[in-house]
Amino acid sequence: MTLVTDSFGRLRMSSLLVSLLHLKDESASFYLGYDKERRSIALGPVGDVFPKNARPVTFDAKRHYASARSFFTAFGLPFECAKFAYKGTDNGWLMFERMN
């Protein structure tokens, strides 16, 4: 399961992640957070506790992309192609660690 970033400041969910979250043909909103030490993106369901540094985004129903430009800017992340692999959960957040 992965999240992929691109040079346009978007995030895309892998088909396996979409399947696991039961999002086929549905849009979904999540909070985003970032752990600089682990170079990890945190994905949390909207409606749970809202951490100060989390950014809400909506993944579209068709391609499961989300515009995350403000998230990248807030955490000083470059707009580039990168892959983040699922590494488990942390306090209800799905954690994705940078692979490349």
PDB file of N, CA and C in Angstrom:
ATOM      1  N   MET A   1       0.854  -1.169   0.000  1.00  0.00           N
ATOM      2  CA  MET A   1       0.000   0.000   0.000  1.00  0.00           C
ATOM      3  C   MET A   1       0.899   1.229   0.000  1.00  0.00           C
ATOM      4  N   THR A   2       0.552   2.166  -0.865  1.00  0.00           N
ATOM      5  CA  THR A   2       1.394   3.355  -0.974  1.00  0.00           C
ATOM      6  C   THR A   2       0.572   4.622  -1.184  1.00  0.00           C
ATOM      7  N   LEU A   3       1.236   5.743  -0.879  1.00  0.00           N
ATOM      8  CA  LEU A   3       0.813   7.074  -1.292  1.00  0.00           C
ATOM      9  C   LEU A   3       1.920   7.567  -2.217  1.00  0.00           C
ATOM     10  N   VAL A   4       1.543   8.198  -3.314  1.00  0.00           N
ATOM     11  CA  VAL A   4       2.522   8.707  -4.262  1.00  0.00           C
ATOM     12  C   VAL A   4       2.319  10.210  -4.395  1.00  0.00           C
ATOM     13  N   THR A   5       3.421  10.955  -4.373  1.00  0.00           N
ATOM     14  CA  THR A   5       3.362  12.398  -4.588  1.00  0.00           C
ATOM     15  C   THR A   5       3.814  12.692  -6.010  1.00  0.00           C
ATOM     16  N   ASP A   6       3.434  13.863  -6.530  1.00  0.00           N
ATOM     17  CA  ASP A   6       3.887  14.242  -7.868  1.00  0.00           C
ATOM     18  C   ASP A   6       4.347  15.695  -7.892  1.00  0.00           C
ATOM     19  N   SER A   7       4.842  16.112  -9.040  1.00  0.00           N
ATOM     20  CA  SER A   7       5.409  17.460  -9.167  1.00  0.00           C
ATOM     21  C   SER A   7       4.347  18.551  -9.219  1.00  0.00           C
ATOM     22  N   PHE A   8       3.066  18.180  -9.179  1.00  0.00           N
ATOM     23  CA  PHE A   8       1.970  19.147  -9.169  1.00  0.00           C
ATOM     24  C   PHE A   8       1.410  19.362  -7.758  1.00  0.00           C
ATOM     25  N   GLY A   9       2.017  18.727  -6.764  1.00  0.00           N
ATOM     26  CA  GLY A   9       1.552  18.880  -5.384  1.00  0.00           C
ATOM     27  C   GLY A   9       0.333  18.045  -5.071  1.00  0.00           C
ATOM     28  N   ARG A  10       0.235  16.889  -5.726  1.00  0.00           N
ATOM     29  CA  ARG A  10      -0.895  15.989  -5.473  1.00  0.00           C
ATOM     30  C   ARG A  10      -0.415  14.732  -4.770  1.00  0.00           C
ATOM     31  N   LEU A  11      -1.352  14.075  -4.093  1.00  0.00           N
ATOM     32  CA  LEU A  11      -1.144  12.752  -3.510  1.00  0.00           C
ATOM     33  C   LEU A  11      -2.086  11.793  -4.223  1.00  0.00           C
ATOM     34  N   ARG A  12      -1.628  10.560  -4.427  1.00  0.00           N
ATOM     35  CA  ARG A  12      -2.485   9.535  -5.030  1.00  0.00           C
ATOM     36  C   ARG A  12      -2.399   8.273  -4.186  1.00  0.00           C
ATOM     37  N   MET A  13      -3.565   7.686  -3.909  1.00  0.00           N
ATOM     38  CA  MET A  13      -3.633   6.426  -3.180  1.00  0.00           C
ATOM     39  C   MET A  13      -3.440   5.265  -4.144  1.00  0.00           C
ATOM     40  N   SER A  14      -2.722   4.243  -3.709  1.00  0.00           N
ATOM     41  CA  SER A  14      -2.595   3.037  -4.523  1.00  0.00           C
ATOM     42  C   SER A  14      -3.934   2.300  -4.541  1.00  0.00           C
ATOM     43  N   SER A  15      -4.121   1.439  -5.535  1.00  0.00           N
ATOM     44  CA  SER A  15      -5.381   0.688  -5.628  1.00  0.00           C
ATOM     45  C   SER A  15      -5.568  -0.221  -4.423  1.00  0.00           C
ATOM     46  N   LEU A  16      -4.491  -0.756  -3.871  1.00  0.00           N
ATOM     47  CA  LEU A  16      -4.593  -1.605  -2.683  1.00  0.00           C
ATOM     48  C   LEU A  16      -5.074  -0.804  -1.474  1.00  0.00           C
ATOM     49  N   LEU A  17      -4.577   0.418  -1.322  1.00  0.00           N
ATOM     50  CA  LEU A  17      -5.022   1.282  -0.225  1.00  0.00           C
ATOM     51  C   LEU A  17      -6.492   1.658  -0.397  1.00  0.00           C
ATOM     52  N   VAL A  18      -6.886   1.987  -1.618  1.00  0.00           N
ATOM     53  CA  VAL A  18      -8.289   2.306  -1.912  1.00  0.00           C
ATOM     54  C   VAL A  18      -9.185   1.133  -1.530  1.00  0.00           C
ATOM     55  N   SER A  19      -8.751  -0.076  -1.892  1.00  0.00           N
ATOM     56  CA  SER A  19      -9.521  -1.281  -1.580  1.00  0.00           C
ATOM     57  C   SER A  19      -9.613  -1.506  -0.069  1.00  0.00           C
ATOM     58  N   LEU A  20      -8.494  -1.368   0.627  1.00  0.00           N
ATOM     59  CA  LEU A  20      -8.477  -1.575   2.073  1.00  0.00           C
ATOM     60  C   LEU A  20      -9.395  -0.598   2.797  1.00  0.00           C
ATOM     61  N   LEU A  21      -9.439   0.653   2.320  1.00  0.00           N
ATOM     62  CA  LEU A  21     -10.270   1.682   2.953  1.00  0.00           C
ATOM     63  C   LEU A  21     -11.713   1.682   2.437  1.00  0.00           C
ATOM     64  N   HIS A  22     -12.034   0.748   1.540  1.00  0.00           N
ATOM     65  CA  HIS A  22     -13.384   0.616   0.972  1.00  0.00           C
ATOM     66  C   HIS A  22     -13.847   1.904   0.311  1.00  0.00           C
ATOM     67  N   LEU A  23     -12.987   2.465  -0.547  1.00  0.00           N
ATOM     68  CA  LEU A  23     -13.285   3.747  -1.188  1.00  0.00           C
ATOM     69  C   LEU A  23     -13.565   3.633  -2.684  1.00  0.00           C
ATOM     70  N   LYS A  24     -13.771   2.440  -3.198  1.00  0.00           N
ATOM     71  CA  LYS A  24     -14.014   2.292  -4.629  1.00  0.00           C
ATOM     72  C   LYS A  24     -15.175   3.181  -5.059  1.00  0.00           C
ATOM     73  N   ASP A  25     -14.911   4.042  -6.040  1.00  0.00           N
ATOM     74  CA  ASP A  25     -15.910   4.960  -6.597  1.00  0.00           C
ATOM     75  C   ASP A  25     -16.477   5.940  -5.568  1.00  0.00           C
ATOM     76  N   GLU A  26     -15.720   6.231  -4.523  1.00  0.00           N
ATOM     77  CA  GLU A  26     -16.145   7.206  -3.515  1.00  0.00           C
ATOM     78  C   GLU A  26     -15.026   8.194  -3.254  1.00  0.00           C
ATOM     79  N   SER A  27     -15.399   9.449  -3.053  1.00  0.00           N
ATOM     80  CA  SER A  27     -14.410  10.424  -2.592  1.00  0.00           C
ATOM     81  C   SER A  27     -14.325  10.296  -1.070  1.00  0.00           C
ATOM     82  N   ALA A  28     -13.200  10.732  -0.524  1.00  0.00           N
ATOM     83  CA  ALA A  28     -13.018  10.630   0.929  1.00  0.00           C
ATOM     84  C   ALA A  28     -12.098  11.734   1.410  1.00  0.00           C
ATOM     85  N   SER A  29     -12.400  12.272   2.580  1.00  0.00           N
ATOM     86  CA  SER A  29     -11.568  13.318   3.179  1.00  0.00           C
ATOM     87  C   SER A  29     -10.749  12.738   4.317  1.00  0.00           C
ATOM     88  N   PHE A  30      -9.511  13.193   4.391  1.00  0.00           N
ATOM     89  CA  PHE A  30      -8.590  12.766   5.438  1.00  0.00           C
ATOM     90  C   PHE A  30      -7.769  13.961   5.900  1.00  0.00           C
ATOM     91  N   TYR A  31      -7.274  13.864   7.128  1.00  0.00           N
ATOM     92  CA  TYR A  31      -6.291  14.828   7.615  1.00  0.00           C
ATOM     93  C   TYR A  31      -4.913  14.325   7.223  1.00  0.00           C
ATOM     94  N   LEU A  32      -4.022  15.249   6.933  1.00  0.00           N
ATOM     95  CA  LEU A  32      -2.641  14.912   6.644  1.00  0.00           C
ATOM     96  C   LEU A  32      -1.742  15.514   7.709  1.00  0.00           C
ATOM     97  N   GLY A  33      -0.729  14.767   8.071  1.00  0.00           N
ATOM     98  CA  GLY A  33       0.300  15.258   8.966  1.00  0.00           C
ATOM     99  C   GLY A  33       1.641  14.796   8.431  1.00  0.00           C
ATOM    100  N   TYR A  34       2.717  15.321   8.990  1.00  0.00           N
ATOM    101  CA  TYR A  34       4.039  14.937   8.520  1.00  0.00           C
ATOM    102  C   TYR A  34       4.992  14.820   9.699  1.00  0.00           C
ATOM    103  N   ASP A  35       5.739  13.725   9.742  1.00  0.00           N
ATOM    104  CA  ASP A  35       6.764  13.490  10.752  1.00  0.00           C
ATOM    105  C   ASP A  35       8.120  13.667  10.072  1.00  0.00           C
ATOM    106  N   LYS A  36       8.786  14.798  10.339  1.00  0.00           N
ATOM    107  CA  LYS A  36      10.061  15.117   9.679  1.00  0.00           C
ATOM    108  C   LYS A  36      11.157  14.130  10.040  1.00  0.00           C
ATOM    109  N   GLU A  37      11.186  13.673  11.278  1.00  0.00           N
ATOM    110  CA  GLU A  37      12.230  12.750  11.706  1.00  0.00           C
ATOM    111  C   GLU A  37      12.183  11.436  10.943  1.00  0.00           C
ATOM    112  N   ARG A  38      10.984  10.910  10.747  1.00  0.00           N
ATOM    113  CA  ARG A  38      10.828   9.631  10.040  1.00  0.00           C
ATOM    114  C   ARG A  38      10.549   9.799   8.555  1.00  0.00           C
ATOM    115  N   ARG A  39      10.443  11.080   8.107  1.00  0.00           N
ATOM    116  CA  ARG A  39      10.085  11.364   6.713  1.00  0.00           C
ATOM    117  C   ARG A  39       8.815  10.592   6.332  1.00  0.00           C
ATOM    118  N   SER A  40       7.805  10.729   7.183  1.00  0.00           N
ATOM    119  CA  SER A  40       6.569   9.970   7.019  1.00  0.00           C
ATOM    120  C   SER A  40       5.360  10.879   6.910  1.00  0.00           C
ATOM    121  N   ILE A  41       4.447  10.497   6.024  1.00  0.00           N
ATOM    122  CA  ILE A  41       3.155  11.170   5.898  1.00  0.00           C
ATOM    123  C   ILE A  41       2.154  10.393   6.743  1.00  0.00           C
ATOM    124  N   ALA A  42       1.358  11.121   7.515  1.00  0.00           N
ATOM    125  CA  ALA A  42       0.313  10.523   8.343  1.00  0.00           C
ATOM    126  C   ALA A  42      -1.042  10.832   7.714  1.00  0.00           C
ATOM    127  N   LEU A  43      -1.887   9.824   7.608  1.00  0.00           N
ATOM    128  CA  LEU A  43      -3.213   9.955   7.018  1.00  0.00           C
ATOM    129  C   LEU A  43      -4.228   9.560   8.074  1.00  0.00           C
ATOM    130  N   GLY A  44      -5.097  10.493   8.468  1.00  0.00           N
ATOM    131  CA  GLY A  44      -6.071  10.225   9.519  1.00  0.00           C
ATOM    132  C   GLY A  44      -7.479  10.574   9.077  1.00  0.00           C
ATOM    133  N   PRO A  45      -8.461   9.824   9.543  1.00  0.00           N
ATOM    134  CA  PRO A  45      -9.846  10.083   9.158  1.00  0.00           C
ATOM    135  C   PRO A  45     -10.360  11.412   9.701  1.00  0.00           C
ATOM    136  N   VAL A  46     -11.098  12.124   8.879  1.00  0.00           N
ATOM    137  CA  VAL A  46     -11.728  13.370   9.305  1.00  0.00           C
ATOM    138  C   VAL A  46     -12.786  13.026  10.345  1.00  0.00           C
ATOM    139  N   GLY A  47     -12.873  13.850  11.380  1.00  0.00           N
ATOM    140  CA  GLY A  47     -13.846  13.615  12.439  1.00  0.00           C
ATOM    141  C   GLY A  47     -13.182  13.195  13.730  1.00  0.00           C
ATOM    142  N   ASP A  48     -11.964  12.683  13.630  1.00  0.00           N
ATOM    143  CA  ASP A  48     -11.215  12.349  14.839  1.00  0.00           C
ATOM    144  C   ASP A  48     -10.576  13.629  15.373  1.00  0.00           C
ATOM    145  N   VAL A  49      -9.767  13.508  16.385  1.00  0.00           N
ATOM    146  CA  VAL A  49      -9.092  14.664  16.966  1.00  0.00           C
ATOM    147  C   VAL A  49      -8.275  15.359  15.890  1.00  0.00           C
ATOM    148  N   PHE A  50      -8.357  16.676  15.846  1.00  0.00           N
ATOM    149  CA  PHE A  50      -7.671  17.457  14.825  1.00  0.00           C
ATOM    150  C   PHE A  50      -6.375  18.018  15.384  1.00  0.00           C
ATOM    151  N   PRO A  51      -5.236  17.414  15.040  1.00  0.00           N
ATOM    152  CA  PRO A  51      -3.958  17.939  15.514  1.00  0.00           C
ATOM    153  C   PRO A  51      -3.654  19.294  14.887  1.00  0.00           C
ATOM    154  N   LYS A  52      -2.862  20.088  15.581  1.00  0.00           N
ATOM    155  CA  LYS A  52      -2.525  21.437  15.132  1.00  0.00           C
ATOM    156  C   LYS A  52      -1.878  21.461  13.753  1.00  0.00           C
ATOM    157  N   ASN A  53      -1.016  20.486  13.455  1.00  0.00           N
ATOM    158  CA  ASN A  53      -0.276  20.525  12.204  1.00  0.00           C
ATOM    159  C   ASN A  53      -0.891  19.670  11.098  1.00  0.00           C
ATOM    160  N   ALA A  54      -2.094  19.161  11.264  1.00  0.00           N
ATOM    161  CA  ALA A  54      -2.742  18.336  10.242  1.00  0.00           C
ATOM    162  C   ALA A  54      -3.414  19.211   9.197  1.00  0.00           C
ATOM    163  N   ARG A  55      -3.473  18.733   7.973  1.00  0.00           N
ATOM    164  CA  ARG A  55      -4.100  19.451   6.866  1.00  0.00           C
ATOM    165  C   ARG A  55      -5.173  18.559   6.244  1.00  0.00           C
ATOM    166  N   PRO A  56      -6.451  18.998   6.205  1.00  0.00           N
ATOM    167  CA  PRO A  56      -7.503  18.179   5.591  1.00  0.00           C
ATOM    168  C   PRO A  56      -7.430  18.245   4.064  1.00  0.00           C
ATOM    169  N   VAL A  57      -7.598  17.089   3.413  1.00  0.00           N
ATOM    170  CA  VAL A  57      -7.646  17.006   1.948  1.00  0.00           C
ATOM    171  C   VAL A  57      -8.736  16.018   1.553  1.00  0.00           C
ATOM    172  N   THR A  58      -9.237  16.155   0.309  1.00  0.00           N
ATOM    173  CA  THR A  58     -10.236  15.232  -0.204  1.00  0.00           C
ATOM    174  C   THR A  58      -9.681  14.503  -1.420  1.00  0.00           C
ATOM    175  N   PHE A  59      -9.713  13.181  -1.368  1.00  0.00           N
ATOM    176  CA  PHE A  59      -9.305  12.339  -2.485  1.00  0.00           C
ATOM    177  C   PHE A  59     -10.525  12.129  -3.373  1.00  0.00           C
ATOM    178  N   ASP A  60     -10.368  12.345  -4.688  1.00  0.00           N
ATOM    179  CA  ASP A  60     -11.519  12.236  -5.586  1.00  0.00           C
ATOM    180  C   ASP A  60     -11.941  10.779  -5.788  1.00  0.00           C
ATOM    181  N   ALA A  61     -13.159  10.582  -6.262  1.00  0.00           N
ATOM    182  CA  ALA A  61     -13.735   9.251  -6.401  1.00  0.00           C
ATOM    183  C   ALA A  61     -13.189   8.491  -7.608  1.00  0.00           C
ATOM    184  N   LYS A  62     -12.804   9.199  -8.643  1.00  0.00           N
ATOM    185  CA  LYS A  62     -12.412   8.528  -9.884  1.00  0.00           C
ATOM    186  C   LYS A  62     -10.975   8.005  -9.856  1.00  0.00           C
ATOM    187  N   ARG A  63     -10.013   8.875  -9.523  1.00  0.00           N
ATOM    188  CA  ARG A  63      -8.598   8.487  -9.577  1.00  0.00           C
ATOM    189  C   ARG A  63      -7.931   8.429  -8.210  1.00  0.00           C
ATOM    190  N   HIS A  64      -8.630   8.856  -7.182  1.00  0.00           N
ATOM    191  CA  HIS A  64      -8.124   8.869  -5.803  1.00  0.00           C
ATOM    192  C   HIS A  64      -6.879   9.740  -5.662  1.00  0.00           C
ATOM    193  N   TYR A  65      -6.961  10.918  -6.292  1.00  0.00           N
ATOM    194  CA  TYR A  65      -5.967  11.979  -6.163  1.00  0.00           C
ATOM    195  C   TYR A  65      -6.502  13.022  -5.184  1.00  0.00           C
ATOM    196  N   ALA A  66      -5.581  13.727  -4.534  1.00  0.00           N
ATOM    197  CA  ALA A  66      -5.939  14.867  -3.688  1.00  0.00           C
ATOM    198  C   ALA A  66      -4.925  15.967  -3.940  1.00  0.00           C
ATOM    199  N   SER A  67      -5.399  17.188  -4.057  1.00  0.00           N
ATOM    200  CA  SER A  67      -4.505  18.332  -4.144  1.00  0.00           C
ATOM    201  C   SER A  67      -3.980  18.609  -2.740  1.00  0.00           C
ATOM    202  N   ALA A  68      -2.659  18.608  -2.605  1.00  0.00           N
ATOM    203  CA  ALA A  68      -2.065  18.771  -1.282  1.00  0.00           C
ATOM    204  C   ALA A  68      -0.985  19.846  -1.285  1.00  0.00           C
ATOM    205  N   ARG A  69      -1.119  20.814  -2.171  1.00  0.00           N
ATOM    206  CA  ARG A  69      -0.108  21.871  -2.288  1.00  0.00           C
ATOM    207  C   ARG A  69       0.105  22.610  -0.970  1.00  0.00           C
ATOM    208  N   SER A  70      -0.971  22.937  -0.267  1.00  0.00           N
ATOM    209  CA  SER A  70      -0.815  23.658   1.001  1.00  0.00           C
ATOM    210  C   SER A  70      -0.120  22.781   2.046  1.00  0.00           C
ATOM    211  N   PHE A  71      -0.364  21.483   2.013  1.00  0.00           N
ATOM    212  CA  PHE A  71       0.313  20.538   2.904  1.00  0.00           C
ATOM    213  C   PHE A  71       1.815  20.533   2.625  1.00  0.00           C
ATOM    214  N   PHE A  72       2.195  20.422   1.349  1.00  0.00           N
ATOM    215  CA  PHE A  72       3.615  20.424   0.980  1.00  0.00           C
ATOM    216  C   PHE A  72       4.283  21.733   1.409  1.00  0.00           C
ATOM    217  N   THR A  73       3.618  22.829   1.141  1.00  0.00           N
ATOM    218  CA  THR A  73       4.161  24.144   1.481  1.00  0.00           C
ATOM    219  C   THR A  73       4.313  24.306   2.992  1.00  0.00           C
ATOM    220  N   ALA A  74       3.310  23.899   3.751  1.00  0.00           N
ATOM    221  CA  ALA A  74       3.333  24.049   5.204  1.00  0.00           C
ATOM    222  C   ALA A  74       4.493  23.285   5.850  1.00  0.00           C
ATOM    223  N   PHE A  75       4.851  22.146   5.275  1.00  0.00           N
ATOM    224  CA  PHE A  75       5.907  21.322   5.857  1.00  0.00           C
ATOM    225  C   PHE A  75       7.234  21.434   5.105  1.00  0.00           C
ATOM    226  N   GLY A  76       7.301  22.342   4.134  1.00  0.00           N
ATOM    227  CA  GLY A  76       8.541  22.552   3.399  1.00  0.00           C
ATOM    228  C   GLY A  76       8.938  21.391   2.516  1.00  0.00           C
ATOM    229  N   LEU A  77       7.954  20.646   2.043  1.00  0.00           N
ATOM    230  CA  LEU A  77       8.235  19.503   1.174  1.00  0.00           C
ATOM    231  C   LEU A  77       8.251  19.948  -0.287  1.00  0.00           C
ATOM    232  N   PRO A  78       9.179  19.419  -1.082  1.00  0.00           N
ATOM    233  CA  PRO A  78       9.224  19.799  -2.497  1.00  0.00           C
ATOM    234  C   PRO A  78       8.099  19.133  -3.289  1.00  0.00           C
ATOM    235  N   PHE A  79       7.680  19.785  -4.356  1.00  0.00           N
ATOM    236  CA  PHE A  79       6.716  19.175  -5.277  1.00  0.00           C
ATOM    237  C   PHE A  79       7.532  18.260  -6.184  1.00  0.00           C
ATOM    238  N   GLU A  80       7.550  16.963  -5.875  1.00  0.00           N
ATOM    239  CA  GLU A  80       8.336  16.005  -6.639  1.00  0.00           C
ATOM    240  C   GLU A  80       7.669  14.643  -6.606  1.00  0.00           C
ATOM    241  N   CYS A  81       8.091  13.781  -7.501  1.00  0.00           N
ATOM    242  CA  CYS A  81       7.576  12.418  -7.541  1.00  0.00           C
ATOM    243  C   CYS A  81       8.285  11.600  -6.462  1.00  0.00           C
ATOM    244  N   ALA A  82       7.509  11.037  -5.561  1.00  0.00           N
ATOM    245  CA  ALA A  82       8.062  10.201  -4.487  1.00  0.00           C
ATOM    246  C   ALA A  82       7.003   9.180  -4.080  1.00  0.00           C
ATOM    247  N   LYS A  83       7.478   8.081  -3.528  1.00  0.00           N
ATOM    248  CA  LYS A  83       6.577   7.016  -3.095  1.00  0.00           C
ATOM    249  C   LYS A  83       6.748   6.819  -1.590  1.00  0.00           C
ATOM    250  N   PHE A  84       5.617   6.706  -0.890  1.00  0.00           N
ATOM    251  CA  PHE A  84       5.590   6.496   0.545  1.00  0.00           C
ATOM    252  C   PHE A  84       4.871   5.177   0.822  1.00  0.00           C
ATOM    253  N   ALA A  85       5.561   4.242   1.471  1.00  0.00           N
ATOM    254  CA  ALA A  85       5.005   2.914   1.757  1.00  0.00           C
ATOM    255  C   ALA A  85       4.372   2.866   3.140  1.00  0.00           C
ATOM    256  N   TYR A  86       3.295   2.128   3.245  1.00  0.00           N
ATOM    257  CA  TYR A  86       2.583   1.958   4.517  1.00  0.00           C
ATOM    258  C   TYR A  86       3.489   1.261   5.524  1.00  0.00           C
ATOM    259  N   LYS A  87       3.581   1.827   6.729  1.00  0.00           N
ATOM    260  CA  LYS A  87       4.438   1.266   7.780  1.00  0.00           C
ATOM    261  C   LYS A  87       3.675   0.923   9.049  1.00  0.00           C
ATOM    262  N   GLY A  88       2.363   1.067   9.058  1.00  0.00           N
ATOM    263  CA  GLY A  88       1.576   0.735  10.237  1.00  0.00           C
ATOM    264  C   GLY A  88       0.773   1.925  10.731  1.00  0.00           C
ATOM    265  N   THR A  89       0.183   1.768  11.910  1.00  0.00           N
ATOM    266  CA  THR A  89      -0.630   2.842  12.480  1.00  0.00           C
ATOM    267  C   THR A  89       0.049   3.411  13.712  1.00  0.00           C
ATOM    268  N   ASP A  90      -0.284   4.650  14.003  1.00  0.00           N
ATOM    269  CA  ASP A  90       0.233   5.336  15.182  1.00  0.00           C
ATOM    270  C   ASP A  90      -0.894   6.225  15.711  1.00  0.00           C
ATOM    271  N   ASN A  91      -1.484   5.842  16.841  1.00  0.00           N
ATOM    272  CA  ASN A  91      -2.609   6.569  17.435  1.00  0.00           C
ATOM    273  C   ASN A  91      -3.762   6.776  16.459  1.00  0.00           C
ATOM    274  N   GLY A  92      -4.076   5.755  15.668  1.00  0.00           N
ATOM    275  CA  GLY A  92      -5.186   5.827  14.726  1.00  0.00           C
ATOM    276  C   GLY A  92      -4.830   6.406  13.363  1.00  0.00           C
ATOM    277  N   TRP A  93      -3.613   6.886  13.196  1.00  0.00           N
ATOM    278  CA  TRP A  93      -3.156   7.441  11.920  1.00  0.00           C
ATOM    279  C   TRP A  93      -2.475   6.340  11.103  1.00  0.00           C
ATOM    280  N   LEU A  94      -2.713   6.308   9.807  1.00  0.00           N
ATOM    281  CA  LEU A  94      -1.973   5.425   8.906  1.00  0.00           C
ATOM    282  C   LEU A  94      -0.671   6.135   8.570  1.00  0.00           C
ATOM    283  N   MET A  95       0.461   5.470   8.771  1.00  0.00           N
ATOM    284  CA  MET A  95       1.767   6.071   8.562  1.00  0.00           C
ATOM    285  C   MET A  95       2.407   5.538   7.278  1.00  0.00           C
ATOM    286  N   PHE A  96       2.924   6.454   6.457  1.00  0.00           N
ATOM    287  CA  PHE A  96       3.558   6.102   5.191  1.00  0.00           C
ATOM    288  C   PHE A  96       4.952   6.713   5.161  1.00  0.00           C
ATOM    289  N   GLU A  97       5.979   5.852   5.078  1.00  0.00           N
ATOM    290  CA  GLU A  97       7.370   6.288   5.110  1.00  0.00           C
ATOM    291  C   GLU A  97       7.935   6.381   3.694  1.00  0.00           C
ATOM    292  N   ARG A  98       8.709   7.438   3.452  1.00  0.00           N
ATOM    293  CA  ARG A  98       9.288   7.663   2.125  1.00  0.00           C
ATOM    294  C   ARG A  98      10.209   6.519   1.737  1.00  0.00           C
ATOM    295  N   MET A  99      10.044   6.035   0.497  1.00  0.00           N
ATOM    296  CA  MET A  99      10.825   4.906  -0.006  1.00  0.00           C
ATOM    297  C   MET A  99      12.061   5.363  -0.790  1.00  0.00           C
ATOM    298  N   ASN A 100      11.993   6.518  -1.458  1.00  0.00           N
ATOM    299  CA  ASN A 100      13.108   6.932  -2.314  1.00  0.00           C
ATOM    300  C   ASN A 100      13.615   8.293  -1.933  1.00  0.00           C
TER     301      ASN A 100
END
